[in-house]
């Protein structure tokens, strides 16, 4: 059902305006703006990774248009944790104003600073930790420890005269986390006692019953798989999944194997995590890739990127035999991650490619080699019962996740009218404990394609899909500008449509007749002639071949 676009009214005095810019109806692009008294606070600024129907796209950014002309009003960007879907778009926003303060935990800021260095941006940062309070203009911020699949994640409570908002970021409630840092439910309870006017919880696993398993359950499984592997082991995970890399390092050490980190982002992020003490590297376990060739295969573990089937990541290149490491019979490949919705085909294509090469592929469907970093329904119910929020705005998830999360809130006693199922660009005003939808902005995708940002449109992507799936036909014709008579052509060429271009012999007489008829009817404009050619060839292709290729007529005056 199409979203009804309508402009919100001017923000009344004493009202907090909350606008999700990204992260609703999708897994990624997480970004929310908070406005009070003419000032803006941003929480998270992430990217979305492209799907198969977005060929050539590298990244998808939030649509910054609502704040593009108000950057001087932005007091800061709070980053809840260091995953790409929460920090990846920061460089593109800071290109517009470099001195916007970045506020986050030690690891989160270290990861974004490394990324910004590649963009030649030196940010202004404020490092915070759990239990810390900060005041930015009208916004009073309290930072709360939450457990996630990356260390040092934070929830943030935002207090203004309009009320208290709790924004969880991504979180779960692992009671035995690897870093012994649990989600601070005591802080949640304290906020609940004082009163939470609006709760923005992570929805990614809201439709999963029960509780997310503990990270500690994965270590023994990884150790057992590595112990049984006859040759090399290749583990693919997110390049920021510090906990999983820690478990791989420990499992390798227990099996007297060396670990080689593969992929630029993996090497960079784990170096940062180790320097800051979030990754404990056993003595002598890490090895440089160049020296790995001197070790027997049964002494090696490669830790790589590419668990989502990304075509340019290490694992996909291995599956396509385009990497220096040639996967073969006896090798074991472990996909230590969840499937992000939309990536299924790409991941299964990589699994099939590796299996065909003779590898034993171990993944979440056939072994417990990964647990999610997001709270399941049981954990969310605990949160609702502890917080007793007046209003709920589920975030971070596809539409089904948002609905499931809202239903959990209703089950715990939140009135249905106080649960808001929003879209990207939905404008919500909070005042006196009441949250109301007051507008819907028209926001789109901003595509990063090579060095271009925002220049590629959905129409361009449609053309790319047509080129990929249906092929390309060009028709060249030269006409006499006085009579409209065809002087040269039509000359027809194609790519990806037919091997033998003799197939077009059947349509050439039709094109000539159509052009002659148009000329006799007084047509002299080359654009009008081109449209005649397009319609004639398009009709023939559709009826005779049941295809819809891209048709590009070129008509010139001779």
Protein backbone atom coordinates (compact mmCIF):
# COMPACT_ATOMS: atom_id res chain seq x y z
CA UNK A 1 0.00 0.00 0.00
CA UNK A 2 1.56 3.34 -1.02
CA UNK A 3 2.54 5.72 1.77
CA UNK A 4 0.46 8.90 1.90
CA UNK A 5 2.88 11.84 1.81
CA UNK A 6 1.90 14.91 3.82
CA UNK A 7 3.92 17.75 5.30
CA UNK A 8 4.04 18.01 9.10
CA UNK A 9 3.04 21.30 10.71
CA UNK A 10 5.55 23.64 12.31
CA UNK A 11 6.91 22.10 15.49
CA UNK A 12 4.95 23.48 18.49
CA UNK A 13 6.94 24.82 21.41
CA UNK A 14 7.62 22.24 24.10
CA UNK A 15 7.20 19.30 21.69
CA UNK A 16 9.79 16.67 20.73
CA UNK A 17 9.72 15.61 17.09
CA UNK A 18 11.06 12.14 16.26
CA UNK A 19 11.65 11.18 12.61
CA UNK A 20 13.10 7.83 11.55
CA UNK A 21 15.12 8.61 8.41
CA UNK A 22 16.10 4.97 7.81
CA UNK A 23 15.93 1.52 9.37
CA UNK A 24 12.16 0.99 9.19
CA UNK A 25 10.94 -1.60 6.72
CA UNK A 26 14.55 -2.66 6.05
CA UNK A 27 17.60 -4.15 7.75
CA UNK A 28 20.06 -1.26 7.56
CA UNK A 29 20.29 2.53 7.05
CA UNK A 30 19.46 3.06 10.72
CA UNK A 31 19.10 6.78 11.41
CA UNK A 32 16.66 8.79 13.56
CA UNK A 33 16.46 12.54 14.13
CA UNK A 34 15.19 14.21 17.30
CA UNK A 35 14.16 17.86 17.21
CA UNK A 36 13.36 20.14 20.14
CA UNK A 37 13.37 23.92 20.35
CA UNK A 38 14.87 24.25 16.86
CA UNK A 39 17.82 21.94 17.60
CA UNK A 40 18.50 18.50 16.15
CA UNK A 41 20.06 15.35 17.58
CA UNK A 42 20.80 12.37 15.34
CA UNK A 43 21.02 8.80 16.62
CA UNK A 44 22.96 6.49 14.28
CA UNK A 45 23.74 7.01 10.61
CA UNK A 46 24.15 3.70 8.82
CA UNK A 47 24.15 2.13 5.39
CA UNK A 48 22.08 -0.54 3.69
CA UNK A 49 23.79 -3.10 1.48
CA UNK A 50 22.35 -3.57 -2.02
CA UNK A 51 20.30 -6.54 -3.15
CA UNK A 52 20.51 -8.39 -6.45
CA UNK A 53 17.94 -6.09 -8.05
CA UNK A 54 20.25 -3.10 -7.48
CA UNK A 55 23.15 -3.96 -9.83
CA UNK A 56 26.31 -1.92 -9.64
CA UNK A 57 25.36 -0.22 -6.35
CA UNK A 58 28.00 -0.28 -3.61
CA UNK A 59 26.01 1.16 -0.69
CA UNK A 60 22.62 2.71 0.00
CA UNK A 61 22.50 5.78 2.25
CA UNK A 62 19.68 7.39 4.23
CA UNK A 63 18.02 10.32 2.48
CA UNK A 64 19.54 13.36 4.18
CA UNK A 65 17.12 15.81 2.52
CA UNK A 66 15.12 16.62 5.72
CA UNK A 67 18.28 17.95 7.40
CA UNK A 68 20.31 19.08 4.38
CA UNK A 69 19.39 22.73 4.89
CA UNK A 70 19.55 22.51 8.69
CA UNK A 71 23.01 21.12 9.34
CA UNK A 72 23.90 24.08 11.56
CA UNK A 73 21.07 23.01 13.89
CA UNK A 74 22.58 19.52 14.40
CA UNK A 75 24.17 19.34 17.86
CA UNK A 76 25.63 15.87 17.48
CA UNK A 77 25.37 12.32 16.15
CA UNK A 78 25.07 9.62 18.80
CA UNK A 79 26.37 6.25 17.57
CA UNK A 80 24.99 3.29 19.50
CA UNK A 81 27.59 0.77 18.25
CA UNK A 82 30.13 0.14 15.52
CA UNK A 83 28.25 -1.90 12.91
CA UNK A 84 28.09 -0.59 9.34
CA UNK A 85 24.29 -0.38 9.36
CA UNK A 86 24.63 2.17 12.18
CA UNK A 87 27.84 4.08 11.36
CA UNK A 88 28.54 3.47 7.65
CA UNK A 89 26.85 6.64 6.33
CA UNK A 90 28.61 9.01 8.76
CA UNK A 91 31.38 9.93 6.25
CA UNK A 92 28.77 10.98 3.69
CA UNK A 93 26.94 13.17 6.21
CA UNK A 94 30.16 14.73 7.48
CA UNK A 95 31.09 15.68 3.92
CA UNK A 96 28.26 18.17 4.23
CA UNK A 97 29.46 19.52 7.59
CA UNK A 98 32.66 18.10 9.02
CA UNK A 99 32.47 19.50 12.55
CA UNK A 100 29.28 17.74 13.66
CA UNK A 101 30.30 16.10 16.97
CA UNK A 102 30.27 12.28 17.06
CA UNK A 103 29.30 10.78 20.41
CA UNK A 104 29.87 7.11 21.19
CA UNK A 105 31.79 4.49 23.11
CA UNK A 106 35.54 3.90 22.82
CA UNK A 107 35.36 1.05 20.28
CA UNK A 108 32.57 2.64 18.25
CA UNK A 109 34.47 5.89 17.82
CA UNK A 110 37.72 4.09 17.04
CA UNK A 111 35.99 2.18 14.21
CA UNK A 112 34.36 5.29 12.73
CA UNK A 113 37.57 7.33 13.04
CA UNK A 114 39.42 4.67 11.02
CA UNK A 115 36.70 4.81 8.38
CA UNK A 116 36.74 8.61 8.30
CA UNK A 117 40.51 8.60 7.89
CA UNK A 118 40.00 6.84 4.55
CA UNK A 119 37.67 9.70 3.58
CA UNK A 120 40.25 12.25 4.82
CA UNK A 121 37.91 13.58 7.48
CA UNK A 122 39.14 14.29 11.01
CA UNK A 123 36.05 14.29 13.24
CA UNK A 124 35.27 16.03 16.49
CA UNK A 125 34.41 13.25 18.94
CA UNK A 126 33.15 12.81 22.48
CA UNK A 127 33.82 9.43 24.09
CA UNK A 128 31.16 8.25 26.52
CA UNK A 129 30.54 5.10 28.52
CA UNK A 130 27.67 3.45 30.32
CA UNK A 131 26.29 5.44 33.25
CA UNK A 132 27.53 8.72 31.80
CA UNK A 133 25.25 11.75 31.39
CA UNK A 134 25.78 14.50 28.83
CA UNK A 135 23.80 17.60 27.92
CA UNK A 136 23.61 18.82 24.31
CA UNK A 137 21.47 21.93 24.13
CA UNK A 138 17.94 20.90 25.15
CA UNK A 139 18.82 17.17 25.07
CA UNK A 140 19.91 15.40 28.25
CA UNK A 141 21.51 12.08 27.36
CA UNK A 142 22.09 9.03 29.53
CA UNK A 143 24.10 6.14 28.14
CA UNK A 144 23.23 2.58 29.13
CA UNK A 145 25.23 -0.61 28.57
CA UNK A 146 23.60 -3.11 26.22
CA UNK A 147 24.87 -6.45 25.01
CA UNK A 148 25.18 -7.04 21.26
CA UNK A 149 27.36 -8.98 18.80
CA UNK A 150 29.96 -6.21 18.95
CA UNK A 151 31.48 -4.94 22.23
CA UNK A 152 30.86 -1.54 23.76
CA UNK A 153 27.28 -1.05 22.50
CA UNK A 154 25.10 1.57 24.19
CA UNK A 155 21.44 2.44 24.47
CA UNK A 156 20.63 6.10 25.00
CA UNK A 157 17.88 7.76 27.01
CA UNK A 158 16.99 11.20 25.64
CA UNK A 159 15.26 13.58 28.06
CA UNK A 160 13.68 16.89 27.08
CA UNK A 161 10.86 18.92 28.65
CA UNK A 162 8.55 16.95 26.30
CA UNK A 163 9.37 13.62 27.95
CA UNK A 164 11.80 10.71 28.14
CA UNK A 165 12.68 8.57 25.13
CA UNK A 166 14.67 5.32 25.33
CA UNK A 167 16.43 4.32 22.09
CA UNK A 168 17.98 0.84 22.45
CA UNK A 169 20.09 0.57 19.32
CA UNK A 170 20.75 -3.10 18.55
CA UNK A 171 20.74 -5.22 21.68
CA UNK A 172 20.04 -8.58 23.27
CA UNK A 173 20.06 -9.91 26.83
CA UNK A 174 22.83 -12.51 26.83
CA UNK A 175 23.30 -13.38 30.51
CA UNK A 176 26.74 -14.93 29.95
CA UNK A 177 28.41 -12.63 27.40
CA UNK A 178 32.00 -13.19 26.37
CA UNK A 179 33.03 -9.78 27.71
CA UNK A 180 30.92 -10.13 30.91
CA UNK A 181 29.09 -6.90 30.00
CA UNK A 182 25.36 -7.51 30.23
CA UNK A 183 22.45 -5.30 29.19
CA UNK A 184 21.85 -3.03 32.20
CA UNK A 185 18.30 -3.96 33.15
CA UNK A 186 18.71 -2.09 36.44
CA UNK A 187 19.04 1.14 34.46
CA UNK A 188 16.01 0.11 32.38
CA UNK A 189 14.04 -0.51 35.60
CA UNK A 190 15.07 2.86 37.03
CA UNK A 191 13.93 4.60 33.86
CA UNK A 192 10.71 2.61 33.93
CA UNK A 193 10.00 3.68 37.50
CA UNK A 194 10.54 7.33 36.58
CA UNK A 195 8.46 6.95 33.41
CA UNK A 196 9.38 6.32 29.77
CA UNK A 197 7.20 8.30 27.39
CA UNK A 198 8.45 6.74 24.15
CA UNK A 199 10.35 3.48 23.64
CA UNK A 200 12.24 2.74 20.40
CA UNK A 201 13.27 -0.95 20.61
CA UNK A 202 15.27 -3.12 18.19
CA UNK A 203 12.81 -5.23 16.17
CA UNK A 204 15.12 -7.52 14.16
CA UNK A 205 14.22 -10.71 16.07
CA UNK A 206 10.79 -9.67 17.36
CA UNK A 207 9.14 -12.51 15.42
CA UNK A 208 11.50 -15.13 16.90
CA UNK A 209 9.98 -16.81 19.98
CA UNK A 210 11.88 -17.34 23.21
CA UNK A 211 15.37 -16.05 23.93
CA UNK A 212 18.46 -15.59 21.80
CA UNK A 213 21.03 -18.29 22.73
CA UNK A 214 24.25 -17.33 24.51
CA UNK A 215 27.40 -16.46 22.58
CA UNK A 216 29.33 -18.86 24.82
CA UNK A 217 27.45 -21.79 23.23
CA UNK A 218 29.28 -21.16 19.94
CA UNK A 219 32.86 -21.57 21.19
CA UNK A 220 32.76 -25.35 21.80
CA UNK A 221 31.05 -25.96 18.44
CA UNK A 222 33.71 -23.98 16.55
CA UNK A 223 36.44 -25.79 18.47
CA UNK A 224 34.92 -29.19 17.60
CA UNK A 225 34.52 -28.35 13.91
CA UNK A 226 38.11 -27.10 13.69
CA UNK A 227 39.40 -30.19 15.55
CA UNK A 228 37.78 -32.51 12.99
CA UNK A 229 38.84 -30.55 9.91
CA UNK A 230 41.45 -32.52 7.91
CA UNK A 231 42.85 -29.52 6.04
CA UNK A 232 42.43 -25.78 6.10
CA UNK A 233 39.55 -24.03 7.88
CA UNK A 234 38.07 -20.82 6.48
CA UNK A 235 35.69 -18.92 8.77
CA UNK A 236 33.60 -16.12 7.28
CA UNK A 237 31.99 -13.51 9.48
CA UNK A 238 31.28 -9.80 9.63
CA UNK A 239 34.46 -7.78 9.77
CA UNK A 240 33.30 -6.13 13.02
CA UNK A 241 32.17 -9.27 14.88
CA UNK A 242 34.83 -9.11 17.57
CA UNK A 243 33.22 -11.83 19.72
CA UNK A 244 33.17 -14.35 16.87
CA UNK A 245 36.78 -13.62 15.92
CA UNK A 246 37.73 -14.05 19.58
CA UNK A 247 36.14 -17.50 19.58
CA UNK A 248 37.92 -18.46 16.37
CA UNK A 249 41.26 -17.34 17.80
CA UNK A 250 40.67 -19.38 20.98
CA UNK A 251 39.49 -22.45 19.04
CA UNK A 252 42.50 -22.26 16.71
CA UNK A 253 44.89 -21.94 19.65
CA UNK A 254 43.28 -24.97 21.32
CA UNK A 255 43.89 -26.99 18.12
CA UNK A 256 47.46 -25.75 17.58
CA UNK A 257 46.52 -23.79 14.48
CA UNK A 258 47.54 -20.36 13.27
CA UNK A 259 44.99 -17.73 12.21
CA UNK A 260 45.33 -15.49 9.16
CA UNK A 261 43.01 -12.49 8.95
CA UNK A 262 41.79 -11.92 5.38
CA UNK A 263 40.14 -8.79 4.00
CA UNK A 264 41.11 -5.17 4.55
CA UNK A 265 38.19 -4.36 6.85
CA UNK A 266 38.74 -7.50 8.93
CA UNK A 267 42.44 -6.70 9.43
CA UNK A 268 41.71 -3.05 10.26
CA UNK A 269 38.83 -3.67 12.68
CA UNK A 270 40.50 -6.51 14.57
CA UNK A 271 43.68 -4.45 14.87
CA UNK A 272 41.66 -1.67 16.48
CA UNK A 273 39.83 -4.09 18.78
CA UNK A 274 43.09 -5.70 19.88
CA UNK A 275 44.79 -2.35 20.50
CA UNK A 276 41.87 -1.25 22.71
CA UNK A 277 41.76 -4.52 24.65
CA UNK A 278 38.41 -5.74 23.28
CA UNK A 279 40.11 -8.64 21.45
CA UNK A 280 42.44 -10.90 23.43
CA UNK A 281 44.87 -12.46 20.95
CA UNK A 282 46.58 -15.64 22.25
CA UNK A 283 50.35 -15.45 21.97
CA UNK A 284 51.64 -16.52 18.57
CA UNK A 285 48.28 -17.45 17.07
CA UNK A 286 48.07 -14.70 14.44
CA UNK A 287 50.11 -15.12 11.28
CA UNK A 288 50.79 -12.98 8.23
CA UNK A 289 49.23 -14.33 5.03
CA UNK A 290 52.59 -14.44 3.23
CA UNK A 291 54.08 -16.80 5.84
CA UNK A 292 51.05 -19.10 5.87
CA UNK A 293 52.27 -20.91 2.75
CA UNK A 294 55.10 -22.41 4.81
CA UNK A 295 52.68 -24.20 7.17
CA UNK A 296 50.86 -27.48 6.45
CA UNK A 297 47.16 -27.08 5.64
CA UNK A 298 46.02 -28.74 8.88
CA UNK A 299 47.68 -25.98 10.90
CA UNK A 300 45.81 -23.04 9.32
CA UNK A 301 42.59 -21.12 9.94
CA UNK A 302 41.67 -18.22 7.67
CA UNK A 303 39.30 -15.63 9.12
CA UNK A 304 37.64 -13.79 6.26
CA UNK A 305 34.86 -11.45 5.24
CA UNK A 306 32.04 -12.43 2.87
CA UNK A 307 29.51 -14.25 5.05
CA UNK A 308 26.66 -12.50 3.18
CA UNK A 309 27.79 -13.56 -0.28
CA UNK A 310 29.09 -10.09 -1.19
CA UNK A 311 30.56 -10.50 -4.69
CA UNK A 312 33.82 -8.66 -3.97
CA UNK A 313 34.43 -10.11 -0.50
CA UNK A 314 37.05 -12.78 0.16
CA UNK A 315 34.72 -15.80 0.40
CA UNK A 316 32.86 -15.11 -2.86
CA UNK A 317 36.16 -14.67 -4.67
CA UNK A 318 37.31 -18.03 -3.28
CA UNK A 319 34.09 -19.66 -4.50
CA UNK A 320 34.67 -18.16 -7.97
CA UNK A 321 38.33 -19.28 -7.96
CA UNK A 322 39.41 -15.63 -8.15
CA UNK A 323 41.42 -15.60 -4.91
CA UNK A 324 44.97 -16.63 -4.07
CA UNK A 325 43.58 -19.27 -1.72
CA UNK A 326 42.24 -22.12 -3.86
CA UNK A 327 39.56 -23.99 -1.93
CA UNK A 328 39.58 -27.75 -2.53
CA UNK A 329 38.61 -31.16 -1.26
CA UNK A 330 39.10 -31.54 2.49
CA UNK A 331 38.86 -27.83 3.25
CA UNK A 332 36.23 -26.71 5.78
CA UNK A 333 34.35 -23.44 5.37
CA UNK A 334 32.35 -22.05 8.31
CA UNK A 335 29.77 -19.30 7.73
CA UNK A 336 29.58 -17.81 11.22
CA UNK A 337 26.76 -15.32 10.69
CA UNK A 338 23.03 -14.95 10.22
CA UNK A 339 21.49 -14.39 6.82
CA UNK A 340 20.49 -10.77 6.32
CA UNK A 341 17.11 -10.76 4.53
CA UNK A 342 17.63 -10.21 0.82
CA UNK A 343 21.06 -11.91 0.77
CA UNK A 344 19.80 -15.50 0.66
CA UNK A 345 20.45 -16.13 -3.04
CA UNK A 346 23.94 -14.65 -2.92
CA UNK A 347 24.87 -16.73 0.14
CA UNK A 348 23.51 -19.98 -1.28
CA UNK A 349 25.35 -19.30 -4.54
CA UNK A 350 28.62 -19.05 -2.58
CA UNK A 351 27.78 -22.20 -0.57
CA UNK A 352 27.09 -24.11 -3.79
CA UNK A 353 30.30 -22.84 -5.38
CA UNK A 354 32.42 -23.87 -2.40
CA UNK A 355 30.71 -27.27 -2.16
CA UNK A 356 31.33 -27.87 -5.86
CA UNK A 357 35.04 -27.23 -5.24
CA UNK A 358 34.98 -30.02 -2.65
CA UNK A 359 34.76 -28.03 0.60
CA UNK A 360 32.68 -29.04 3.60
CA UNK A 361 30.52 -25.98 4.24
CA UNK A 362 29.28 -25.54 7.81
CA UNK A 363 26.62 -22.88 8.44
CA UNK A 364 23.84 -21.96 10.84
CA UNK A 365 21.38 -24.35 9.20
CA UNK A 366 23.50 -27.46 9.83
CA UNK A 367 25.52 -26.55 12.93
CA UNK A 368 25.34 -24.08 15.82
CA UNK A 369 28.10 -21.83 14.54
CA UNK A 370 26.30 -18.52 15.06
CA UNK A 371 23.81 -16.85 17.34
CA UNK A 372 22.05 -13.59 16.66
CA UNK A 373 22.98 -10.28 18.25
CA UNK A 374 19.35 -9.20 18.59
CA UNK A 375 16.74 -9.70 21.30
CA UNK A 376 14.09 -12.31 20.58
CA UNK A 377 10.44 -12.00 21.65
CA UNK A 378 11.04 -13.25 25.20
CA UNK A 379 13.69 -10.61 25.85
CA UNK A 380 11.54 -7.84 24.40
CA UNK A 381 8.65 -8.89 26.65
CA UNK A 382 10.96 -8.50 29.65
CA UNK A 383 11.85 -4.99 28.49
CA UNK A 384 8.22 -3.97 28.06
CA UNK A 385 7.31 -5.28 31.50
CA UNK A 386 10.27 -3.53 33.12
CA UNK A 387 9.83 -0.21 31.32
CA UNK A 388 6.02 0.04 31.03
CA UNK A 389 6.42 2.67 28.28
CA UNK A 390 3.52 4.98 27.49
CA UNK A 391 4.20 4.83 23.74
CA UNK A 392 6.17 2.46 21.52
CA UNK A 393 7.82 3.04 18.14
CA UNK A 394 9.44 -0.22 16.96
CA UNK A 395 12.58 0.40 14.86
CA UNK A 396 15.37 -1.54 13.14
CA UNK A 397 13.56 -4.15 11.08
CA UNK A 398 11.46 -5.11 8.11
CA UNK A 399 7.73 -4.42 8.27
CA UNK A 400 6.92 -7.90 9.66
CA UNK A 401 9.44 -7.33 12.46
CA UNK A 402 7.92 -3.96 13.36
CA UNK A 403 4.42 -5.45 13.51
CA UNK A 404 5.62 -8.38 15.64
CA UNK A 405 7.32 -5.97 18.04
CA UNK A 406 4.22 -3.79 18.30
CA UNK A 407 2.13 -6.88 19.08
CA UNK A 408 4.48 -7.78 21.93
CA UNK A 409 4.01 -4.29 23.36
CA UNK A 410 0.23 -4.63 23.15
CA UNK A 411 0.35 -8.03 24.91
CA UNK A 412 2.12 -6.40 27.87
CA UNK A 413 -0.50 -3.69 28.23
CA UNK A 414 0.63 -0.86 25.96
CA UNK A 415 -2.59 0.47 24.35
CA UNK A 416 -2.79 -0.35 20.65
CA UNK A 417 -3.34 3.33 19.84
CA UNK A 418 0.00 4.07 21.53
CA UNK A 419 2.00 1.65 19.34
CA UNK A 420 3.14 3.27 16.12
CA UNK A 421 4.02 1.23 13.03
CA UNK A 422 6.01 3.80 11.10
CA UNK A 423 7.84 4.06 7.78
CA UNK A 424 11.05 5.84 6.95
CA UNK A 425 10.08 9.51 7.03
CA UNK A 426 7.14 9.18 9.42
CA UNK A 427 7.08 12.24 11.68
CA UNK A 428 6.04 11.64 15.31
CA UNK A 429 5.48 14.42 17.85
CA UNK A 430 5.74 13.71 21.60
CA UNK A 431 4.15 16.04 24.11
CA UNK A 432 2.69 15.48 27.60
CA UNK A 433 3.12 11.71 27.30
CA UNK A 434 1.23 11.50 24.00
CA UNK A 435 2.95 10.43 20.76
CA UNK A 436 1.15 11.32 17.53
CA UNK A 437 1.92 10.85 13.84
CA UNK A 438 1.82 14.34 12.31
CA UNK A 439 3.41 13.89 8.89
CA UNK A 440 5.02 11.62 6.33
CA UNK A 441 8.09 12.78 4.41
CA UNK A 442 8.83 11.56 0.90
CA UNK A 443 12.20 9.86 1.38
CA UNK A 444 14.04 7.67 -1.09
CA UNK A 445 17.20 5.64 -1.44
CA UNK A 446 20.49 7.42 -2.05
CA UNK A 447 22.80 5.13 -4.01
CA UNK A 448 26.59 5.12 -3.79
CA UNK A 449 27.95 3.86 -7.12
CA UNK A 450 31.72 4.10 -7.33
CA UNK A 451 32.59 7.72 -6.69
CA UNK A 452 29.08 9.02 -7.37
CA UNK A 453 26.64 9.62 -4.52
CA UNK A 454 22.96 10.15 -5.25
CA UNK A 455 23.41 10.40 -9.01
CA UNK A 456 22.03 6.93 -9.75
CA UNK A 457 18.23 6.76 -9.71
CA UNK A 458 15.71 3.92 -9.56
CA UNK A 459 15.15 4.48 -13.28
CA UNK A 460 18.88 3.89 -13.89
CA UNK A 461 18.70 0.65 -11.92
CA UNK A 462 15.67 -0.44 -13.94
CA UNK A 463 17.70 0.13 -17.12
CA UNK A 464 20.56 -1.91 -15.69
CA UNK A 465 18.21 -4.78 -14.83
CA UNK A 466 16.75 -4.71 -18.34
CA UNK A 467 20.25 -4.74 -19.84
CA UNK A 468 21.23 -7.68 -17.62
CA UNK A 469 18.08 -9.72 -18.16
CA UNK A 470 16.78 -8.79 -21.62
CA UNK A 471 19.70 -7.37 -23.58
CA UNK A 472 20.17 -4.33 -25.79
CA UNK A 473 19.12 -3.46 -29.35
CA UNK A 474 20.32 -0.37 -31.23
CA UNK A 475 18.88 0.78 -34.55
CA UNK A 476 20.68 3.36 -36.69
CA UNK A 477 18.79 5.25 -39.43
CA UNK A 478 19.75 8.29 -41.53
CA UNK A 479 16.93 10.27 -43.18
CA UNK A 480 16.58 13.09 -45.68
CA UNK A 481 15.42 16.12 -43.63
CA UNK A 482 13.42 17.50 -46.58
CA UNK A 483 11.50 14.38 -47.59
CA UNK A 484 11.81 12.10 -44.57
CA UNK A 485 13.07 9.37 -46.88
CA UNK A 486 15.46 6.77 -45.41
CA UNK A 487 18.97 7.29 -46.86
CA UNK A 488 20.92 4.79 -44.72
CA UNK A 489 19.66 1.88 -42.67
CA UNK A 490 18.08 0.64 -40.69
CA UNK A 491 21.23 -0.98 -39.29
CA UNK A 492 20.45 -3.12 -36.25
CA UNK A 493 22.92 -4.40 -33.65
CA UNK A 494 22.30 -6.17 -30.36
CA UNK A 495 24.02 -7.42 -27.24
CA UNK A 496 22.62 -10.14 -25.03
CA UNK A 497 19.56 -10.63 -27.25
CA UNK A 498 20.45 -12.94 -30.14
CA UNK A 499 23.67 -14.56 -31.29
CA UNK A 500 22.78 -14.24 -35.00
CA UNK A 501 21.73 -10.75 -35.99
CA UNK A 502 20.07 -12.17 -39.11
CA UNK A 503 17.07 -12.55 -36.83
CA UNK A 504 16.40 -8.83 -37.41
CA UNK A 505 15.93 -9.31 -41.16
CA UNK A 506 12.26 -9.92 -40.44
CA UNK A 507 11.69 -6.56 -38.75
CA UNK A 508 13.68 -4.30 -41.12
CA UNK A 509 10.86 -4.10 -43.73
CA UNK A 510 8.44 -3.21 -40.91
CA UNK A 511 10.72 -0.40 -39.74
CA UNK A 512 11.08 0.96 -43.29
CA UNK A 513 7.32 0.89 -43.85
CA UNK A 514 6.63 2.61 -40.52
CA UNK A 515 9.16 5.35 -41.33
CA UNK A 516 7.72 5.82 -44.84
CA UNK A 517 4.19 6.09 -43.44
CA UNK A 518 5.37 8.64 -40.87
CA UNK A 519 7.13 10.70 -43.55
CA UNK A 520 4.03 10.66 -45.78
CA UNK A 521 2.03 11.95 -42.82
CA UNK A 522 4.35 14.95 -42.56
CA UNK A 523 6.81 13.79 -39.88
CA UNK A 524 10.25 15.41 -40.22
CA UNK A 525 11.47 15.55 -36.59
CA UNK A 526 14.24 13.03 -35.83
CA UNK A 527 12.91 12.46 -32.31
CA UNK A 528 9.47 11.55 -33.71
CA UNK A 529 11.09 9.16 -36.21
CA UNK A 530 13.07 7.58 -33.34
CA UNK A 531 9.85 6.95 -31.44
CA UNK A 532 8.37 5.28 -34.53
CA UNK A 533 11.41 2.98 -34.72
CA UNK A 534 11.23 2.19 -31.00
CA UNK A 535 7.53 1.28 -31.14
CA UNK A 536 7.90 -0.84 -34.26
CA UNK A 537 10.89 -2.85 -33.01
CA UNK A 538 9.46 -3.12 -29.50
CA UNK A 539 6.16 -4.50 -30.77
CA UNK A 540 7.95 -7.03 -32.99
CA UNK A 541 10.30 -8.19 -30.23
CA UNK A 542 7.44 -8.56 -27.76
CA UNK A 543 5.13 -10.53 -30.07
CA UNK A 544 7.73 -12.69 -31.82
CA UNK A 545 10.23 -13.28 -29.01
CA UNK A 546 8.35 -12.49 -25.77
CA UNK A 547 11.23 -10.27 -24.70
CA UNK A 548 11.55 -6.66 -23.52
CA UNK A 549 15.13 -5.58 -24.24
CA UNK A 550 16.38 -2.02 -24.05
CA UNK A 551 15.78 -0.46 -27.47
CA UNK A 552 17.89 2.56 -28.45
CA UNK A 553 16.99 4.09 -31.84
CA UNK A 554 19.42 6.61 -33.34
CA UNK A 555 17.95 8.72 -36.14
CA UNK A 556 20.05 11.42 -37.79
CA UNK A 557 19.57 13.80 -40.72
CA UNK A 558 21.70 13.10 -43.80
